[in-house]
C-alpha atoms as a PDB file:
ATOM      1  CA  MET A   1      67.976 -18.111  48.770  1.00  0.00           C
ATOM      2  CA  ALA A   2      67.155 -19.366  52.229  1.00  0.00           C
ATOM      3  CA  ARG A   3      65.188 -22.599  52.310  1.00  0.00           C
ATOM      4  CA  ASN A   4      62.594 -21.184  54.695  1.00  0.00           C
ATOM      5  CA  PHE A   5      61.512 -18.335  52.361  1.00  0.00           C
ATOM      6  CA  VAL A   6      57.818 -18.689  51.469  1.00  0.00           C
ATOM      7  CA  GLN A   7      56.789 -15.663  49.355  1.00  0.00           C
ATOM      8  CA  PRO A   8      57.475 -11.913  48.982  1.00  0.00           C
ATOM      9  CA  GLY A   9      54.257 -10.965  50.839  1.00  0.00           C
ATOM     10  CA  GLU A  10      52.994  -8.086  48.691  1.00  0.00           C
ATOM     11  CA  THR A  11      50.061 -10.348  47.792  1.00  0.00           C
ATOM     12  CA  ILE A  12      48.698 -12.786  50.337  1.00  0.00           C
ATOM     13  CA  THR A  13      45.755 -15.193  50.555  1.00  0.00           C
ATOM     14  CA  LEU A  14      43.402 -14.435  53.437  1.00  0.00           C
ATOM     15  CA  PRO A  15      39.878 -15.468  54.452  1.00  0.00           C
ATOM     16  CA  ALA A  16      37.390 -12.824  53.280  1.00  0.00           C
ATOM     17  CA  PRO A  17      35.989 -11.134  56.420  1.00  0.00           C
ATOM     18  CA  ARG A  18      32.806 -10.237  54.498  1.00  0.00           C
ATOM     19  CA  ALA A  19      31.528 -10.606  50.934  1.00  0.00           C
ATOM     20  CA  LEU A  20      34.029  -8.680  48.807  1.00  0.00           C
ATOM     21  CA  ALA A  21      34.035  -7.289  45.285  1.00  0.00           C
ATOM     22  CA  SER A  22      37.284  -7.029  43.368  1.00  0.00           C
ATOM     23  CA  GLY A  23      39.039  -3.799  44.354  1.00  0.00           C
ATOM     24  CA  GLN A  24      37.482  -3.448  47.815  1.00  0.00           C
ATOM     25  CA  GLY A  25      39.657  -2.917  50.854  1.00  0.00           C
ATOM     26  CA  PHE A  26      39.445  -5.314  53.774  1.00  0.00           C
ATOM     27  CA  LEU A  27      41.007  -5.890  57.156  1.00  0.00           C
ATOM     28  CA  VAL A  28      41.947  -9.219  58.732  1.00  0.00           C
ATOM     29  CA  GLY A  29      43.300  -8.575  62.208  1.00  0.00           C
ATOM     30  CA  ALA A  30      45.791  -5.740  61.713  1.00  0.00           C
ATOM     31  CA  LEU A  31      46.514  -6.704  58.091  1.00  0.00           C
ATOM     32  CA  PHE A  32      44.920  -4.494  55.411  1.00  0.00           C
ATOM     33  CA  ALA A  33      44.707  -5.502  51.744  1.00  0.00           C
ATOM     34  CA  VAL A  34      42.740  -4.859  48.558  1.00  0.00           C
ATOM     35  CA  ALA A  35      40.817  -7.808  47.127  1.00  0.00           C
ATOM     36  CA  LEU A  36      42.079  -8.870  43.699  1.00  0.00           C
ATOM     37  CA  ALA A  37      38.868 -10.829  42.977  1.00  0.00           C
ATOM     38  CA  ALA A  38      35.375 -11.154  44.392  1.00  0.00           C
ATOM     39  CA  ALA A  39      34.966 -13.531  47.332  1.00  0.00           C
ATOM     40  CA  ALA A  40      32.197 -14.782  49.592  1.00  0.00           C
ATOM     41  CA  ILE A  41      32.565 -14.382  53.342  1.00  0.00           C
ATOM     42  CA  GLY A  42      35.130 -16.853  54.670  1.00  0.00           C
ATOM     43  CA  ALA A  43      36.382 -17.802  51.193  1.00  0.00           C
ATOM     44  CA  PRO A  44      40.080 -17.438  50.412  1.00  0.00           C
ATOM     45  CA  VAL A  45      40.826 -14.165  48.620  1.00  0.00           C
ATOM     46  CA  GLU A  46      44.072 -12.821  47.206  1.00  0.00           C
ATOM     47  CA  GLY A  47      44.775  -9.422  48.723  1.00  0.00           C
ATOM     48  CA  ARG A  48      47.409  -6.897  47.667  1.00  0.00           C
ATOM     49  CA  ARG A  49      49.054  -5.118  50.623  1.00  0.00           C
ATOM     50  CA  VAL A  50      51.019  -2.426  48.766  1.00  0.00           C
ATOM     51  CA  GLY A  51      50.706  -0.037  45.848  1.00  0.00           C
ATOM     52  CA  VAL A  52      48.563   2.951  44.918  1.00  0.00           C
ATOM     53  CA  TRP A  53      44.808   2.325  44.876  1.00  0.00           C
ATOM     54  CA  ASP A  54      41.616   4.315  44.376  1.00  0.00           C
ATOM     55  CA  LEU A  55      39.504   3.315  47.384  1.00  0.00           C
ATOM     56  CA  ALA A  56      36.175   4.308  48.912  1.00  0.00           C
ATOM     57  CA  LYS A  57      36.743   7.461  50.969  1.00  0.00           C
ATOM     58  CA  ALA A  58      34.898   9.082  53.838  1.00  0.00           C
ATOM     59  CA  THR A  59      33.040  12.000  52.251  1.00  0.00           C
ATOM     60  CA  GLY A  60      33.309  15.340  53.976  1.00  0.00           C
ATOM     61  CA  GLU A  61      37.072  14.947  54.426  1.00  0.00           C
ATOM     62  CA  ALA A  62      39.618  16.834  52.352  1.00  0.00           C
ATOM     63  CA  TRP A  63      43.026  15.140  52.169  1.00  0.00           C
ATOM     64  CA  THR A  64      46.457  16.565  51.466  1.00  0.00           C
ATOM     65  CA  ALA A  65      49.147  14.587  49.658  1.00  0.00           C
ATOM     66  CA  GLY A  66      51.158  12.538  52.146  1.00  0.00           C
ATOM     67  CA  GLN A  67      48.516  12.710  54.897  1.00  0.00           C
ATOM     68  CA  ARG A  68      48.236   9.557  57.040  1.00  0.00           C
ATOM     69  CA  LEU A  69      45.142   7.517  56.276  1.00  0.00           C
ATOM     70  CA  TYR A  70      43.242   4.876  58.208  1.00  0.00           C
ATOM     71  CA  TRP A  71      40.733   2.105  57.510  1.00  0.00           C
ATOM     72  CA  ASP A  72      37.293   2.478  59.091  1.00  0.00           C
ATOM     73  CA  ASN A  73      36.296  -1.177  59.469  1.00  0.00           C
ATOM     74  CA  THR A  74      32.694  -0.263  60.292  1.00  0.00           C
ATOM     75  CA  ALA A  75      31.949   1.928  57.247  1.00  0.00           C
ATOM     76  CA  PHE A  76      34.535   0.054  55.094  1.00  0.00           C
ATOM     77  CA  ARG A  77      36.100   3.306  53.892  1.00  0.00           C
ATOM     78  CA  VAL A  78      39.406   5.136  54.133  1.00  0.00           C
ATOM     79  CA  THR A  79      39.433   8.058  56.553  1.00  0.00           C
ATOM     80  CA  SER A  80      41.823  10.629  57.965  1.00  0.00           C
ATOM     81  CA  THR A  81      40.445   9.928  61.464  1.00  0.00           C
ATOM     82  CA  ALA A  82      42.944   7.943  63.525  1.00  0.00           C
ATOM     83  CA  ALA A  83      40.782   7.214  66.589  1.00  0.00           C
ATOM     84  CA  GLY A  84      39.396   3.677  66.467  1.00  0.00           C
ATOM     85  CA  ASN A  85      40.775   3.009  62.977  1.00  0.00           C
ATOM     86  CA  THR A  86      43.791   1.146  61.497  1.00  0.00           C
ATOM     87  CA  LEU A  87      46.684   2.982  59.811  1.00  0.00           C
ATOM     88  CA  ILE A  88      47.000   1.748  56.199  1.00  0.00           C
ATOM     89  CA  GLY A  89      49.113   4.349  54.370  1.00  0.00           C
ATOM     90  CA  VAL A  90      49.044   7.910  53.073  1.00  0.00           C
ATOM     91  CA  ALA A  91      47.144  10.010  50.554  1.00  0.00           C
ATOM     92  CA  ALA A  92      48.879   9.727  47.197  1.00  0.00           C
ATOM     93  CA  GLN A  93      47.331  13.036  46.125  1.00  0.00           C
ATOM     94  CA  ALA A  94      45.079  15.758  47.500  1.00  0.00           C
ATOM     95  CA  GLN A  95      41.362  14.905  47.544  1.00  0.00           C
ATOM     96  CA  ALA A  96      38.371  17.238  47.826  1.00  0.00           C
ATOM     97  CA  SER A  97      35.876  16.745  50.624  1.00  0.00           C
ATOM     98  CA  ALA A  98      33.136  15.800  48.130  1.00  0.00           C
ATOM     99  CA  ASP A  99      35.203  12.993  46.534  1.00  0.00           C
ATOM    100  CA  ALA A 100      33.742   9.504  47.032  1.00  0.00           C
ATOM    101  CA  THR A 101      37.071   7.808  46.307  1.00  0.00           C
ATOM    102  CA  GLY A 102      40.607   8.727  47.214  1.00  0.00           C
ATOM    103  CA  ARG A 103      44.018   7.727  45.876  1.00  0.00           C
ATOM    104  CA  VAL A 104      45.860   5.856  48.637  1.00  0.00           C
ATOM    105  CA  LEU A 105      49.454   4.636  48.827  1.00  0.00           C
ATOM    106  CA  LEU A 106      49.342   1.469  50.931  1.00  0.00           C
ATOM    107  CA  SER A 107      52.446   1.100  53.065  1.00  0.00           C
ATOM    108  CA  GLY A 108      52.044  -2.631  53.688  1.00  0.00           C
ATOM    109  CA  GLN A 109      53.207  -2.109  57.254  1.00  0.00           C
ATOM    110  CA  ILE A 110      51.450  -3.668  60.211  1.00  0.00           C
ATOM    111  CA  PRO A 111      50.577  -0.851  62.654  1.00  0.00           C
ATOM    112  CA  ALA A 112      51.764  -1.092  66.245  1.00  0.00           C
ATOM    113  CA  ALA A 113      49.157  -2.306  68.706  1.00  0.00           C
END
């Protein structure tokens, strides 16, 4: 393996942008992850960038499987609204508009600016 390889990158340590509970989504710059443990604001937190997660969802939205999903960094929820939000992945299954959480497949990709 190349000597300059550091880590695979599916999990990465980042400064918590706010107080986080384990399992909450968070955004640092354009990088979205799910906290693997609780962390105080500014503390290092391990975040997972890929996989399928049940995350807080914008109520009132119905999702279809495969629909593009975005992170609302004001409400700290996943939404289907692209404007002003950061692309994080797709719906892993259909969700009803009344659902408070939604199953999300995180792509791990950094969206274009």
